[in-house]
Amino acid sequence: MLPRLRLFVFLVWAQPAGPIIVDITEPPKSELSRLSQVLLGSLGLSGVLALAAITLGIALGGLMFWLKRRSAGPY
């Protein structure tokens, strides 16, 4: 009986006192995924700039048309 008690005491004392923390990290991203993020970001920026240019062009065209019609007088 005494050897079993010693084994039990040894197993109880051998347990770690604190919690075991496992850090799960993502694998490093490949060069291709970083490149695709840069390309998508630049296309998004180009799209915003193109949309702003089109909107400004339509607004200026409308303003010029309105000023021309206003200054021409009645027919």
Protein backbone atom coordinates (compact mmCIF):
# COMPACT_ATOMS: atom_id res chain seq x y z
CA MET A 1 0.00 0.00 0.00
CA LEU A 2 2.88 2.33 0.77
CA PRO A 3 4.33 2.30 -2.81
CA ARG A 4 0.95 3.26 -4.25
CA LEU A 5 0.70 6.15 -1.81
CA ARG A 6 4.17 7.35 -2.81
CA LEU A 7 3.23 7.11 -6.49
CA PHE A 8 0.02 9.08 -5.85
CA VAL A 9 1.89 11.77 -3.91
CA PHE A 10 4.54 11.97 -6.65
CA LEU A 11 1.90 12.36 -9.39
CA VAL A 12 0.01 15.02 -7.45
CA TRP A 13 3.19 17.01 -6.76
CA ALA A 14 4.40 16.64 -10.36
CA GLN A 15 1.39 18.49 -11.79
CA PRO A 16 2.11 22.03 -13.02
CA ALA A 17 1.00 24.75 -10.65
CA GLY A 18 -0.21 27.25 -13.24
CA PRO A 19 -2.28 27.04 -16.40
CA ILE A 20 -0.79 25.92 -19.67
CA ILE A 21 -1.10 28.66 -22.30
CA VAL A 22 -0.90 27.71 -25.97
CA ASP A 23 -0.37 30.57 -28.43
CA ILE A 24 -1.81 29.76 -31.86
CA THR A 25 -0.43 32.10 -34.51
CA GLU A 26 -1.30 32.37 -38.18
CA PRO A 27 1.34 31.34 -40.68
CA PRO A 28 3.16 34.24 -42.32
CA LYS A 29 1.43 35.62 -45.39
CA SER A 30 2.95 34.95 -48.77
CA GLU A 31 4.33 37.63 -51.05
CA LEU A 32 1.44 37.05 -53.47
CA SER A 33 -1.21 37.90 -50.90
CA ARG A 34 0.59 41.13 -49.96
CA LEU A 35 0.89 42.05 -53.63
CA SER A 36 -2.80 41.44 -54.22
CA GLN A 37 -3.69 43.68 -51.28
CA VAL A 38 -1.55 46.48 -52.73
CA LEU A 39 -3.13 46.07 -56.18
CA LEU A 40 -6.67 46.08 -54.81
CA GLY A 41 -5.90 49.14 -52.71
CA SER A 42 -4.49 51.03 -55.69
CA LEU A 43 -7.46 50.07 -57.87
CA GLY A 44 -9.80 51.33 -55.17
CA LEU A 45 -7.95 54.64 -54.97
CA SER A 46 -7.94 54.95 -58.77
CA GLY A 47 -11.68 54.27 -58.85
CA VAL A 48 -12.37 56.99 -56.30
CA LEU A 49 -10.24 59.49 -58.22
CA ALA A 50 -11.93 58.59 -61.53
CA LEU A 51 -15.39 58.93 -59.99
CA ALA A 52 -14.45 62.33 -58.54
CA ALA A 53 -13.13 63.48 -61.94
CA ILE A 54 -16.29 62.37 -63.75
CA THR A 55 -18.53 64.06 -61.18
CA LEU A 56 -16.52 67.28 -61.35
CA GLY A 57 -16.59 67.20 -65.17
CA ILE A 58 -20.38 66.79 -65.27
CA ALA A 59 -20.81 69.59 -62.70
CA LEU A 60 -18.56 72.01 -64.61
CA GLY A 61 -20.22 71.09 -67.92
CA GLY A 62 -23.63 71.77 -66.45
CA LEU A 63 -22.45 75.08 -65.00
CA MET A 64 -20.99 76.18 -68.36
CA PHE A 65 -24.18 75.14 -70.17
CA TRP A 66 -26.32 77.05 -67.66
CA LEU A 67 -24.14 80.19 -67.90
CA LYS A 68 -24.20 80.08 -71.73
CA ARG A 69 -28.00 79.72 -71.83
CA ARG A 70 -28.41 82.51 -69.30
CA SER A 71 -26.21 85.01 -71.16
CA ALA A 72 -27.55 84.19 -74.67
CA GLY A 73 -30.90 85.81 -74.06
CA PRO A 74 -34.29 84.92 -75.62
CA TYR A 75 -34.52 83.67 -79.21
